[in-house]
Amino acid sequence: MTFSPEDLESARKIFSGPIAFLKSAPALEFLPEPTVNEVAFAGRSNVGKSSLLNALTNRSSLARTSNTPGRTQELNFFDVGTPTAFRLVDMPGYGFAEAPKDVVKKWRFLINDYLRGRQVLKRTLVLVDSRHGLKDVDREVMDMLDKAAVSYRLVLTKSDKIKASALAEVAAVTEAEVRKRAAAHPDLILTSSEKGMGIPELRAAVIEAVG
């Protein structure tokens, strides 16, 4: 699917407007009132989620970046627009080995419950490192999304870090797998936070998802 120049420009304007951190939710009872639609960002630790959120919103430090995988242990909500038009949700990273098992379990329950019970969640963007492709832990999350009937779309990150031929191969393999899944959007978005590749399309995809 391709977006028109008008779609891309409209999305750019929205993301260049007011965007503010709302709150962190370590558990379901801390979630904000479901008054506007939401798009969530999920991915393995070190997939480049914070950098992508910062590039998406054209901010340098909207989402905290850290060298410690799994530092983001809560659901972080960001209001877009004044008044708020929709929210971005930065979900805890998954698939890290360093965190204690009870902490991992707690995060898994939080993600599970949020995905299953959030009526205003219109799409989850599942971030996958283009250098590594889909891992089993990504497939677990995709299984969870399929079962919860939550619409999701895959976004390849760090696409500037591998050769164009290798990127095309990873994209083709990933897309073929995704198209067999019930709740997945059939098209990938290839991005690079450093180079800005795919960021206009990602903005447009978010706007399309929130309707």
N, C-alpha and C. Protein backbone atom coordinates (compact mmCIF):
# COMPACT_ATOMS: atom_id res chain seq x y z
N MET A 1 0.85 -1.20 0.00
CA MET A 1 0.00 0.00 0.00
C MET A 1 0.88 1.25 0.00
N THR A 2 0.55 2.20 -0.83
CA THR A 2 1.31 3.44 -0.88
C THR A 2 0.42 4.60 -0.44
N PHE A 3 1.06 5.59 0.16
CA PHE A 3 0.35 6.79 0.60
C PHE A 3 0.59 7.91 -0.40
N SER A 4 -0.41 8.76 -0.58
CA SER A 4 -0.27 9.89 -1.49
C SER A 4 0.60 10.97 -0.85
N PRO A 5 1.16 11.87 -1.66
CA PRO A 5 1.91 13.00 -1.09
C PRO A 5 1.08 13.81 -0.10
N GLU A 6 -0.23 13.89 -0.37
CA GLU A 6 -1.11 14.64 0.54
C GLU A 6 -1.22 13.94 1.90
N ASP A 7 -1.31 12.60 1.87
CA ASP A 7 -1.35 11.82 3.11
C ASP A 7 -0.08 12.04 3.92
N LEU A 8 1.06 11.99 3.24
CA LEU A 8 2.35 12.13 3.92
C LEU A 8 2.49 13.52 4.53
N GLU A 9 2.06 14.54 3.80
CA GLU A 9 2.19 15.92 4.30
C GLU A 9 1.23 16.16 5.46
N SER A 10 0.02 15.64 5.35
CA SER A 10 -0.95 15.78 6.43
C SER A 10 -0.43 15.14 7.71
N ALA A 11 0.15 13.94 7.57
CA ALA A 11 0.70 13.24 8.74
C ALA A 11 1.89 14.00 9.32
N ARG A 12 2.74 14.56 8.44
CA ARG A 12 3.89 15.33 8.92
C ARG A 12 3.45 16.51 9.77
N LYS A 13 2.39 17.19 9.31
CA LYS A 13 1.89 18.36 10.06
C LYS A 13 1.36 17.96 11.43
N ILE A 14 0.64 16.85 11.47
CA ILE A 14 0.10 16.40 12.76
C ILE A 14 1.22 16.08 13.73
N PHE A 15 2.25 15.39 13.24
CA PHE A 15 3.36 15.00 14.12
C PHE A 15 4.33 16.15 14.42
N SER A 16 4.20 17.25 13.70
CA SER A 16 5.03 18.41 14.03
C SER A 16 4.32 19.32 15.03
N GLY A 17 3.07 18.99 15.34
CA GLY A 17 2.30 19.74 16.33
C GLY A 17 2.57 19.26 17.74
N PRO A 18 1.69 19.64 18.69
CA PRO A 18 1.92 19.29 20.09
C PRO A 18 1.88 17.78 20.35
N ILE A 19 2.92 17.28 21.01
CA ILE A 19 2.97 15.89 21.48
C ILE A 19 3.57 15.92 22.88
N ALA A 20 2.87 15.33 23.84
CA ALA A 20 3.34 15.43 25.22
C ALA A 20 3.19 14.10 25.94
N PHE A 21 4.15 13.81 26.81
CA PHE A 21 4.07 12.64 27.66
C PHE A 21 2.88 12.81 28.61
N LEU A 22 2.04 11.79 28.69
CA LEU A 22 0.89 11.84 29.58
C LEU A 22 1.17 11.14 30.90
N LYS A 23 1.47 9.84 30.83
CA LYS A 23 1.72 9.11 32.07
C LYS A 23 2.32 7.73 31.76
N SER A 24 2.88 7.12 32.81
CA SER A 24 3.33 5.74 32.75
C SER A 24 2.36 4.88 33.55
N ALA A 25 2.10 3.69 33.04
CA ALA A 25 1.18 2.78 33.73
C ALA A 25 1.89 1.46 34.02
N PRO A 26 2.27 1.22 35.29
CA PRO A 26 2.92 -0.04 35.63
C PRO A 26 1.95 -1.20 35.76
N ALA A 27 0.65 -0.88 35.81
CA ALA A 27 -0.38 -1.90 35.92
C ALA A 27 -1.67 -1.35 35.31
N LEU A 28 -2.63 -2.24 35.04
CA LEU A 28 -3.85 -1.85 34.33
C LEU A 28 -4.63 -0.75 35.03
N GLU A 29 -4.61 -0.75 36.36
CA GLU A 29 -5.41 0.25 37.08
C GLU A 29 -4.88 1.67 36.89
N PHE A 30 -3.68 1.79 36.33
CA PHE A 30 -3.11 3.12 36.10
C PHE A 30 -3.30 3.62 34.66
N LEU A 31 -3.99 2.84 33.84
CA LEU A 31 -4.21 3.27 32.46
C LEU A 31 -5.04 4.55 32.41
N PRO A 32 -4.76 5.43 31.44
CA PRO A 32 -5.60 6.63 31.29
C PRO A 32 -6.99 6.24 30.81
N GLU A 33 -7.94 7.12 31.01
CA GLU A 33 -9.30 6.87 30.54
C GLU A 33 -9.29 6.65 29.02
N PRO A 34 -10.03 5.66 28.53
CA PRO A 34 -10.01 5.35 27.09
C PRO A 34 -10.88 6.32 26.28
N THR A 35 -10.45 7.57 26.22
CA THR A 35 -11.26 8.62 25.58
C THR A 35 -10.88 8.87 24.13
N VAL A 36 -9.68 8.44 23.72
CA VAL A 36 -9.25 8.62 22.33
C VAL A 36 -8.58 7.34 21.85
N ASN A 37 -8.48 7.18 20.54
CA ASN A 37 -7.86 5.99 19.97
C ASN A 37 -6.36 5.96 20.24
N GLU A 38 -5.83 4.74 20.24
CA GLU A 38 -4.41 4.54 20.56
C GLU A 38 -3.74 3.66 19.52
N VAL A 39 -2.45 3.92 19.29
CA VAL A 39 -1.59 3.04 18.50
C VAL A 39 -0.40 2.68 19.39
N ALA A 40 -0.16 1.38 19.54
CA ALA A 40 0.91 0.92 20.43
C ALA A 40 2.12 0.47 19.63
N PHE A 41 3.29 0.59 20.26
CA PHE A 41 4.55 0.18 19.65
C PHE A 41 5.15 -0.93 20.51
N ALA A 42 5.37 -2.09 19.89
CA ALA A 42 5.91 -3.24 20.61
C ALA A 42 7.16 -3.73 19.90
N GLY A 43 8.06 -4.36 20.63
CA GLY A 43 9.25 -4.89 19.99
C GLY A 43 10.23 -5.44 21.01
N ARG A 44 11.14 -6.26 20.52
CA ARG A 44 12.19 -6.78 21.38
C ARG A 44 13.04 -5.63 21.92
N SER A 45 13.60 -5.86 23.09
CA SER A 45 14.56 -4.89 23.62
C SER A 45 15.70 -4.74 22.62
N ASN A 46 16.17 -3.51 22.48
CA ASN A 46 17.25 -3.18 21.54
C ASN A 46 16.81 -3.18 20.08
N VAL A 47 15.49 -3.19 19.83
CA VAL A 47 15.02 -3.16 18.44
C VAL A 47 15.07 -1.73 17.88
N GLY A 48 15.28 -0.76 18.78
CA GLY A 48 15.34 0.64 18.35
C GLY A 48 14.01 1.36 18.48
N LYS A 49 13.20 0.92 19.45
CA LYS A 49 11.85 1.48 19.59
C LYS A 49 11.87 2.94 20.03
N SER A 50 12.68 3.26 21.02
CA SER A 50 12.75 4.64 21.50
C SER A 50 13.25 5.58 20.41
N SER A 51 14.28 5.15 19.69
CA SER A 51 14.82 5.97 18.59
C SER A 51 13.77 6.18 17.50
N LEU A 52 12.99 5.13 17.23
CA LEU A 52 11.96 5.25 16.19
C LEU A 52 10.85 6.20 16.62
N LEU A 53 10.45 6.12 17.88
CA LEU A 53 9.43 7.04 18.40
C LEU A 53 9.91 8.48 18.34
N ASN A 54 11.18 8.68 18.68
CA ASN A 54 11.74 10.02 18.61
C ASN A 54 11.78 10.54 17.17
N ALA A 55 12.14 9.66 16.22
CA ALA A 55 12.16 10.06 14.81
C ALA A 55 10.75 10.32 14.29
N LEU A 56 9.82 9.47 14.69
CA LEU A 56 8.43 9.60 14.26
C LEU A 56 7.86 10.95 14.66
N THR A 57 8.15 11.36 15.89
CA THR A 57 7.60 12.60 16.44
C THR A 57 8.52 13.80 16.22
N ASN A 58 9.68 13.56 15.58
CA ASN A 58 10.65 14.62 15.31
C ASN A 58 11.12 15.31 16.58
N ARG A 59 11.24 14.51 17.63
CA ARG A 59 11.77 14.98 18.91
C ARG A 59 13.06 14.22 19.20
N SER A 60 13.93 14.84 19.98
CA SER A 60 15.19 14.16 20.27
C SER A 60 15.10 13.28 21.51
N SER A 61 14.14 13.54 22.38
CA SER A 61 14.11 12.77 23.64
C SER A 61 12.70 12.53 24.16
N LEU A 62 11.73 12.37 23.24
CA LEU A 62 10.37 12.08 23.70
C LEU A 62 10.35 10.75 24.43
N ALA A 63 10.90 9.72 23.79
CA ALA A 63 11.02 8.41 24.42
C ALA A 63 12.46 8.25 24.88
N ARG A 64 12.62 7.79 26.10
CA ARG A 64 13.96 7.62 26.64
C ARG A 64 14.69 6.50 25.92
N THR A 65 15.93 6.76 25.55
CA THR A 65 16.76 5.70 24.99
C THR A 65 17.74 5.27 26.06
N SER A 66 18.00 4.00 26.11
CA SER A 66 18.90 3.47 27.12
C SER A 66 19.69 2.31 26.55
N ASN A 67 20.92 2.16 27.04
CA ASN A 67 21.73 1.04 26.60
C ASN A 67 21.38 -0.24 27.32
N THR A 68 20.54 -0.14 28.34
CA THR A 68 20.13 -1.32 29.09
C THR A 68 18.84 -1.86 28.52
N PRO A 69 18.88 -3.04 27.88
CA PRO A 69 17.66 -3.59 27.30
C PRO A 69 16.58 -3.80 28.37
N GLY A 70 15.34 -3.48 28.02
CA GLY A 70 14.24 -3.71 28.94
C GLY A 70 14.08 -2.66 30.01
N ARG A 71 14.72 -1.49 29.81
CA ARG A 71 14.61 -0.44 30.82
C ARG A 71 13.17 0.07 30.93
N THR A 72 12.49 0.13 29.82
CA THR A 72 11.11 0.60 29.84
C THR A 72 10.23 -0.53 30.36
N GLN A 73 9.80 -0.40 31.61
CA GLN A 73 9.08 -1.49 32.26
C GLN A 73 7.58 -1.21 32.37
N GLU A 74 7.15 -0.11 31.82
CA GLU A 74 5.75 0.29 31.95
C GLU A 74 5.19 0.68 30.60
N LEU A 75 3.87 0.81 30.55
CA LEU A 75 3.22 1.36 29.35
C LEU A 75 3.31 2.87 29.44
N ASN A 76 3.94 3.50 28.45
CA ASN A 76 4.10 4.95 28.46
C ASN A 76 3.18 5.57 27.41
N PHE A 77 2.36 6.53 27.84
CA PHE A 77 1.34 7.13 26.97
C PHE A 77 1.73 8.56 26.60
N PHE A 78 1.54 8.88 25.31
CA PHE A 78 1.85 10.21 24.79
C PHE A 78 0.62 10.76 24.07
N ASP A 79 0.23 11.96 24.44
CA ASP A 79 -0.90 12.63 23.79
C ASP A 79 -0.42 13.35 22.53
N VAL A 80 -1.15 13.16 21.43
CA VAL A 80 -0.85 13.84 20.18
C VAL A 80 -1.97 14.83 19.88
N GLY A 81 -1.60 16.11 19.73
CA GLY A 81 -2.58 17.15 19.43
C GLY A 81 -3.13 17.83 20.67
N THR A 82 -3.64 19.05 20.48
CA THR A 82 -4.32 19.80 21.54
C THR A 82 -5.60 20.37 20.96
N PRO A 83 -6.77 19.90 21.40
CA PRO A 83 -6.96 18.80 22.36
C PRO A 83 -6.44 17.48 21.79
N THR A 84 -6.30 16.49 22.65
CA THR A 84 -5.72 15.22 22.24
C THR A 84 -6.54 14.56 21.14
N ALA A 85 -5.87 14.26 20.01
CA ALA A 85 -6.54 13.60 18.88
C ALA A 85 -6.43 12.08 19.00
N PHE A 86 -5.24 11.62 19.45
CA PHE A 86 -5.01 10.19 19.67
C PHE A 86 -3.77 10.05 20.55
N ARG A 87 -3.48 8.80 20.94
CA ARG A 87 -2.32 8.57 21.80
C ARG A 87 -1.38 7.54 21.19
N LEU A 88 -0.10 7.73 21.44
CA LEU A 88 0.92 6.73 21.15
C LEU A 88 1.24 6.01 22.45
N VAL A 89 1.42 4.70 22.37
CA VAL A 89 1.72 3.91 23.56
C VAL A 89 3.02 3.16 23.35
N ASP A 90 4.00 3.48 24.18
CA ASP A 90 5.29 2.81 24.14
C ASP A 90 5.22 1.63 25.11
N MET A 91 5.23 0.41 24.55
CA MET A 91 5.08 -0.78 25.38
C MET A 91 6.44 -1.29 25.86
N PRO A 92 6.44 -2.03 26.97
CA PRO A 92 7.71 -2.58 27.46
C PRO A 92 8.35 -3.50 26.43
N GLY A 93 9.66 -3.40 26.30
CA GLY A 93 10.38 -4.30 25.41
C GLY A 93 10.29 -5.73 25.91
N TYR A 94 10.44 -6.68 25.00
CA TYR A 94 10.35 -8.08 25.40
C TYR A 94 11.55 -8.85 24.85
N GLY A 95 11.75 -10.04 25.40
CA GLY A 95 12.77 -10.93 24.87
C GLY A 95 14.17 -10.69 25.38
N PHE A 96 14.29 -10.02 26.51
CA PHE A 96 15.62 -9.77 27.06
C PHE A 96 15.99 -10.87 28.04
N ALA A 97 17.27 -11.13 28.16
CA ALA A 97 17.72 -12.24 29.01
C ALA A 97 18.15 -11.77 30.40
N GLU A 98 18.45 -10.48 30.53
CA GLU A 98 19.07 -10.00 31.77
C GLU A 98 18.09 -9.80 32.92
N ALA A 99 16.81 -9.57 32.61
CA ALA A 99 15.85 -9.24 33.66
C ALA A 99 15.45 -10.48 34.46
N PRO A 100 15.17 -10.31 35.76
CA PRO A 100 14.71 -11.44 36.59
C PRO A 100 13.40 -12.01 36.05
N LYS A 101 13.21 -13.33 36.24
CA LYS A 101 12.06 -14.01 35.65
C LYS A 101 10.73 -13.46 36.17
N ASP A 102 10.67 -13.07 37.45
CA ASP A 102 9.40 -12.56 37.99
C ASP A 102 9.05 -11.21 37.35
N VAL A 103 10.08 -10.43 37.02
CA VAL A 103 9.86 -9.15 36.35
C VAL A 103 9.35 -9.38 34.94
N VAL A 104 9.98 -10.32 34.24
CA VAL A 104 9.55 -10.67 32.88
C VAL A 104 8.10 -11.13 32.88
N LYS A 105 7.75 -11.95 33.86
CA LYS A 105 6.37 -12.47 33.97
C LYS A 105 5.39 -11.32 34.18
N LYS A 106 5.76 -10.40 35.04
CA LYS A 106 4.91 -9.24 35.32
C LYS A 106 4.68 -8.42 34.04
N TRP A 107 5.75 -8.16 33.29
CA TRP A 107 5.63 -7.39 32.05
C TRP A 107 4.74 -8.12 31.04
N ARG A 108 4.92 -9.45 30.98
CA ARG A 108 4.13 -10.24 30.03
C ARG A 108 2.65 -10.15 30.35
N PHE A 109 2.32 -10.24 31.63
CA PHE A 109 0.91 -10.12 32.05
C PHE A 109 0.36 -8.75 31.69
N LEU A 110 1.17 -7.71 31.93
CA LEU A 110 0.72 -6.34 31.65
C LEU A 110 0.44 -6.17 30.15
N ILE A 111 1.36 -6.63 29.31
CA ILE A 111 1.17 -6.52 27.87
C ILE A 111 -0.05 -7.32 27.41
N ASN A 112 -0.13 -8.55 27.90
CA ASN A 112 -1.26 -9.41 27.56
C ASN A 112 -2.59 -8.74 27.87
N ASP A 113 -2.71 -8.26 29.11
CA ASP A 113 -3.98 -7.68 29.57
C ASP A 113 -4.31 -6.40 28.81
N TYR A 114 -3.29 -5.59 28.54
CA TYR A 114 -3.53 -4.36 27.80
C TYR A 114 -4.01 -4.67 26.38
N LEU A 115 -3.35 -5.59 25.71
CA LEU A 115 -3.72 -5.92 24.33
C LEU A 115 -5.12 -6.49 24.23
N ARG A 116 -5.46 -7.32 25.20
CA ARG A 116 -6.75 -8.01 25.12
C ARG A 116 -7.93 -7.13 25.48
N GLY A 117 -7.70 -6.15 26.38
CA GLY A 117 -8.85 -5.45 26.94
C GLY A 117 -9.02 -3.99 26.57
N ARG A 118 -8.19 -3.50 25.67
CA ARG A 118 -8.21 -2.06 25.38
C ARG A 118 -9.01 -1.77 24.11
N GLN A 119 -10.23 -1.36 24.26
CA GLN A 119 -11.11 -1.14 23.11
C GLN A 119 -10.61 -0.04 22.17
N VAL A 120 -9.93 0.96 22.73
CA VAL A 120 -9.48 2.08 21.90
C VAL A 120 -8.16 1.80 21.18
N LEU A 121 -7.57 0.64 21.44
CA LEU A 121 -6.32 0.27 20.75
C LEU A 121 -6.65 -0.14 19.31
N LYS A 122 -6.29 0.69 18.37
CA LYS A 122 -6.65 0.47 16.97
C LYS A 122 -5.61 -0.34 16.19
N ARG A 123 -4.37 -0.23 16.59
CA ARG A 123 -3.33 -1.01 15.92
C ARG A 123 -2.08 -1.09 16.80
N THR A 124 -1.41 -2.23 16.72
CA THR A 124 -0.11 -2.37 17.36
C THR A 124 0.93 -2.48 16.25
N LEU A 125 1.95 -1.67 16.35
CA LEU A 125 3.07 -1.74 15.41
C LEU A 125 4.16 -2.60 16.05
N VAL A 126 4.43 -3.75 15.45
CA VAL A 126 5.42 -4.69 15.97
C VAL A 126 6.74 -4.42 15.26
N LEU A 127 7.72 -3.98 16.03
CA LEU A 127 9.02 -3.59 15.46
C LEU A 127 9.96 -4.79 15.43
N VAL A 128 10.61 -4.99 14.28
CA VAL A 128 11.52 -6.12 14.09
C VAL A 128 12.83 -5.59 13.52
N ASP A 129 13.95 -5.97 14.13
CA ASP A 129 15.26 -5.55 13.67
C ASP A 129 15.54 -6.21 12.32
N SER A 130 15.74 -5.40 11.29
CA SER A 130 15.92 -5.94 9.94
C SER A 130 17.18 -6.79 9.82
N ARG A 131 18.13 -6.61 10.73
CA ARG A 131 19.36 -7.40 10.67
C ARG A 131 19.14 -8.84 11.12
N HIS A 132 18.08 -9.05 11.90
CA HIS A 132 17.85 -10.37 12.49
C HIS A 132 16.56 -11.04 12.01
N GLY A 133 15.60 -10.24 11.52
CA GLY A 133 14.33 -10.81 11.10
C GLY A 133 13.49 -11.28 12.26
N LEU A 134 12.45 -12.02 11.97
CA LEU A 134 11.54 -12.49 13.00
C LEU A 134 12.20 -13.55 13.89
N LYS A 135 12.02 -13.40 15.20
CA LYS A 135 12.48 -14.39 16.17
C LYS A 135 11.26 -15.05 16.79
N ASP A 136 11.47 -16.15 17.49
CA ASP A 136 10.35 -16.86 18.11
C ASP A 136 9.58 -15.97 19.09
N VAL A 137 10.30 -15.09 19.79
CA VAL A 137 9.62 -14.22 20.75
C VAL A 137 8.70 -13.23 20.02
N ASP A 138 9.06 -12.81 18.81
CA ASP A 138 8.18 -11.97 18.00
C ASP A 138 6.93 -12.76 17.61
N ARG A 139 7.15 -14.01 17.24
CA ARG A 139 6.02 -14.86 16.84
C ARG A 139 5.06 -15.09 18.01
N GLU A 140 5.60 -15.19 19.22
CA GLU A 140 4.75 -15.32 20.41
C GLU A 140 3.83 -14.11 20.55
N VAL A 141 4.39 -12.93 20.36
CA VAL A 141 3.59 -11.70 20.46
C VAL A 141 2.56 -11.65 19.33
N MET A 142 2.97 -12.05 18.14
CA MET A 142 2.03 -12.08 17.02
C MET A 142 0.90 -13.09 17.26
N ASP A 143 1.24 -14.22 17.87
CA ASP A 143 0.20 -15.20 18.24
C ASP A 143 -0.80 -14.57 19.21
N MET A 144 -0.26 -13.84 20.17
CA MET A 144 -1.08 -13.18 21.18
C MET A 144 -2.02 -12.16 20.52
N LEU A 145 -1.49 -11.40 19.58
CA LEU A 145 -2.28 -10.40 18.87
C LEU A 145 -3.35 -11.06 18.01
N ASP A 146 -2.99 -12.16 17.35
CA ASP A 146 -3.97 -12.90 16.54
C ASP A 146 -5.13 -13.39 17.42
N LYS A 147 -4.76 -13.97 18.57
CA LYS A 147 -5.79 -14.52 19.47
C LYS A 147 -6.68 -13.42 20.03
N ALA A 148 -6.09 -12.27 20.30
CA ALA A 148 -6.85 -11.15 20.86
C ALA A 148 -7.59 -10.36 19.76
N ALA A 149 -7.35 -10.74 18.50
CA ALA A 149 -7.95 -10.05 17.35
C ALA A 149 -7.61 -8.57 17.36
N VAL A 150 -6.36 -8.26 17.73
CA VAL A 150 -5.86 -6.89 17.70
C VAL A 150 -5.09 -6.68 16.39
N SER A 151 -5.52 -5.73 15.59
CA SER A 151 -4.86 -5.44 14.33
C SER A 151 -3.41 -5.00 14.57
N TYR A 152 -2.49 -5.56 13.79
CA TYR A 152 -1.09 -5.16 13.95
C TYR A 152 -0.39 -5.10 12.60
N ARG A 153 0.72 -4.40 12.60
CA ARG A 153 1.51 -4.23 11.37
C ARG A 153 2.98 -4.30 11.73
N LEU A 154 3.77 -4.97 10.91
CA LEU A 154 5.19 -5.10 11.19
C LEU A 154 5.98 -3.95 10.59
N VAL A 155 6.94 -3.48 11.37
CA VAL A 155 7.83 -2.40 10.96
C VAL A 155 9.27 -2.89 11.11
N LEU A 156 10.02 -2.91 10.03
CA LEU A 156 11.43 -3.29 10.11
C LEU A 156 12.24 -2.06 10.50
N THR A 157 13.06 -2.19 11.53
CA THR A 157 13.90 -1.08 12.00
C THR A 157 15.35 -1.29 11.55
N LYS A 158 16.14 -0.22 11.66
CA LYS A 158 17.57 -0.25 11.36
C LYS A 158 17.85 -0.77 9.94
N SER A 159 16.98 -0.37 9.02
CA SER A 159 17.09 -0.87 7.64
C SER A 159 18.32 -0.33 6.91
N ASP A 160 18.96 0.68 7.48
CA ASP A 160 20.17 1.21 6.86
C ASP A 160 21.41 0.42 7.27
N LYS A 161 21.25 -0.52 8.19
CA LYS A 161 22.41 -1.22 8.75
C LYS A 161 22.80 -2.46 7.95
N ILE A 162 21.98 -2.84 6.97
CA ILE A 162 22.32 -4.00 6.14
C ILE A 162 22.26 -3.62 4.66
N LYS A 163 22.87 -4.44 3.82
CA LYS A 163 22.88 -4.18 2.38
C LYS A 163 21.47 -4.26 1.82
N ALA A 164 21.25 -3.54 0.74
CA ALA A 164 19.92 -3.48 0.12
C ALA A 164 19.42 -4.86 -0.29
N SER A 165 20.32 -5.72 -0.78
CA SER A 165 19.92 -7.07 -1.21
C SER A 165 19.48 -7.90 -0.01
N ALA A 166 20.21 -7.78 1.10
CA ALA A 166 19.86 -8.52 2.31
C ALA A 166 18.55 -8.00 2.90
N LEU A 167 18.36 -6.69 2.84
CA LEU A 167 17.12 -6.09 3.34
C LEU A 167 15.92 -6.58 2.53
N ALA A 168 16.08 -6.63 1.22
CA ALA A 168 14.99 -7.10 0.35
C ALA A 168 14.64 -8.54 0.67
N GLU A 169 15.65 -9.35 0.96
CA GLU A 169 15.41 -10.76 1.29
C GLU A 169 14.69 -10.91 2.62
N VAL A 170 15.14 -10.17 3.63
CA VAL A 170 14.49 -10.21 4.95
C VAL A 170 13.05 -9.73 4.84
N ALA A 171 12.84 -8.66 4.09
CA ALA A 171 11.49 -8.11 3.92
C ALA A 171 10.57 -9.12 3.25
N ALA A 172 11.06 -9.80 2.22
CA ALA A 172 10.25 -10.77 1.49
C ALA A 172 9.87 -11.96 2.37
N VAL A 173 10.84 -12.47 3.12
CA VAL A 173 10.59 -13.62 4.01
C VAL A 173 9.60 -13.22 5.10
N THR A 174 9.80 -12.04 5.68
CA THR A 174 8.93 -11.57 6.76
C THR A 174 7.51 -11.34 6.26
N GLU A 175 7.41 -10.71 5.10
CA GLU A 175 6.09 -10.41 4.53
C GLU A 175 5.32 -11.69 4.20
N ALA A 176 6.03 -12.69 3.69
CA ALA A 176 5.38 -13.97 3.36
C ALA A 176 4.81 -14.62 4.61
N GLU A 177 5.55 -14.53 5.71
CA GLU A 177 5.07 -15.12 6.97
C GLU A 177 3.89 -14.34 7.54
N VAL A 178 3.98 -13.02 7.46
CA VAL A 178 2.94 -12.16 8.02
C VAL A 178 1.61 -12.35 7.30
N ARG A 179 1.66 -12.56 6.01
CA ARG A 179 0.43 -12.65 5.22
C ARG A 179 -0.40 -13.90 5.53
N LYS A 180 0.18 -14.83 6.28
CA LYS A 180 -0.56 -16.02 6.70
C LYS A 180 -1.31 -15.79 8.01
N ARG A 181 -1.13 -14.62 8.60
CA ARG A 181 -1.68 -14.37 9.94
C ARG A 181 -2.96 -13.56 9.89
N ALA A 182 -3.86 -13.91 10.79
CA ALA A 182 -5.23 -13.39 10.74
C ALA A 182 -5.33 -11.88 10.98
N ALA A 183 -4.62 -11.38 11.98
CA ALA A 183 -4.83 -9.99 12.39
C ALA A 183 -3.77 -9.04 11.83
N ALA A 184 -2.86 -9.56 11.01
CA ALA A 184 -1.74 -8.75 10.53
C ALA A 184 -2.09 -7.98 9.27
N HIS A 185 -1.60 -6.74 9.21
CA HIS A 185 -1.65 -5.95 7.98
C HIS A 185 -0.68 -6.60 7.00
N PRO A 186 -1.04 -6.74 5.73
CA PRO A 186 -0.19 -7.50 4.80
C PRO A 186 1.10 -6.80 4.39
N ASP A 187 1.19 -5.49 4.58
CA ASP A 187 2.36 -4.74 4.10
C ASP A 187 3.28 -4.34 5.24
N LEU A 188 4.58 -4.48 5.00
CA LEU A 188 5.59 -4.02 5.96
C LEU A 188 5.91 -2.55 5.72
N ILE A 189 6.50 -1.92 6.75
CA ILE A 189 7.10 -0.60 6.58
C ILE A 189 8.57 -0.74 6.95
N LEU A 190 9.46 -0.35 6.04
CA LEU A 190 10.90 -0.43 6.28
C LEU A 190 11.39 0.94 6.74
N THR A 191 12.08 0.97 7.88
CA THR A 191 12.46 2.25 8.45
C THR A 191 13.93 2.30 8.88
N SER A 192 14.41 3.53 9.01
CA SER A 192 15.70 3.81 9.63
C SER A 192 15.55 5.11 10.42
N SER A 193 15.69 5.02 11.72
CA SER A 193 15.60 6.23 12.55
C SER A 193 16.72 7.20 12.24
N GLU A 194 17.91 6.68 11.98
CA GLU A 194 19.08 7.53 11.71
C GLU A 194 18.96 8.26 10.39
N LYS A 195 18.51 7.57 9.36
CA LYS A 195 18.46 8.15 8.01
C LYS A 195 17.11 8.77 7.66
N GLY A 196 16.09 8.48 8.49
CA GLY A 196 14.76 9.02 8.21
C GLY A 196 13.97 8.19 7.20
N MET A 197 14.54 7.07 6.80
CA MET A 197 13.89 6.20 5.81
C MET A 197 12.58 5.62 6.37
N GLY A 198 11.50 5.75 5.60
CA GLY A 198 10.22 5.16 5.99
C GLY A 198 9.46 5.91 7.06
N ILE A 199 10.05 6.96 7.62
CA ILE A 199 9.39 7.69 8.71
C ILE A 199 8.13 8.41 8.22
N PRO A 200 8.14 9.07 7.06
CA PRO A 200 6.89 9.69 6.58
C PRO A 200 5.76 8.66 6.39
N GLU A 201 6.12 7.49 5.87
CA GLU A 201 5.12 6.44 5.67
C GLU A 201 4.60 5.90 6.99
N LEU A 202 5.49 5.80 7.97
CA LEU A 202 5.08 5.33 9.29
C LEU A 202 4.10 6.31 9.94
N ARG A 203 4.38 7.60 9.81
CA ARG A 203 3.45 8.61 10.34
C ARG A 203 2.07 8.47 9.69
N ALA A 204 2.07 8.30 8.37
CA ALA A 204 0.81 8.16 7.65
C ALA A 204 0.06 6.90 8.06
N ALA A 205 0.82 5.83 8.33
CA ALA A 205 0.22 4.57 8.76
C ALA A 205 -0.44 4.71 10.13
N VAL A 206 0.17 5.49 11.01
CA VAL A 206 -0.42 5.74 12.33
C VAL A 206 -1.73 6.52 12.17
N ILE A 207 -1.70 7.56 11.36
CA ILE A 207 -2.91 8.37 11.13
C ILE A 207 -4.03 7.53 10.53
N GLU A 208 -3.66 6.69 9.58
CA GLU A 208 -4.64 5.80 8.96
C GLU A 208 -5.26 4.86 10.01
N ALA A 209 -4.43 4.34 10.91
CA ALA A 209 -4.91 3.38 11.91
C ALA A 209 -5.90 4.00 12.90
N VAL A 210 -5.64 5.24 13.31
CA VAL A 210 -6.51 5.86 14.32
C VAL A 210 -7.80 6.41 13.68
N GLY A 211 -7.81 6.47 12.34
CA GLY A 211 -9.03 6.85 11.65
C GLY A 211 -9.32 8.32 11.72
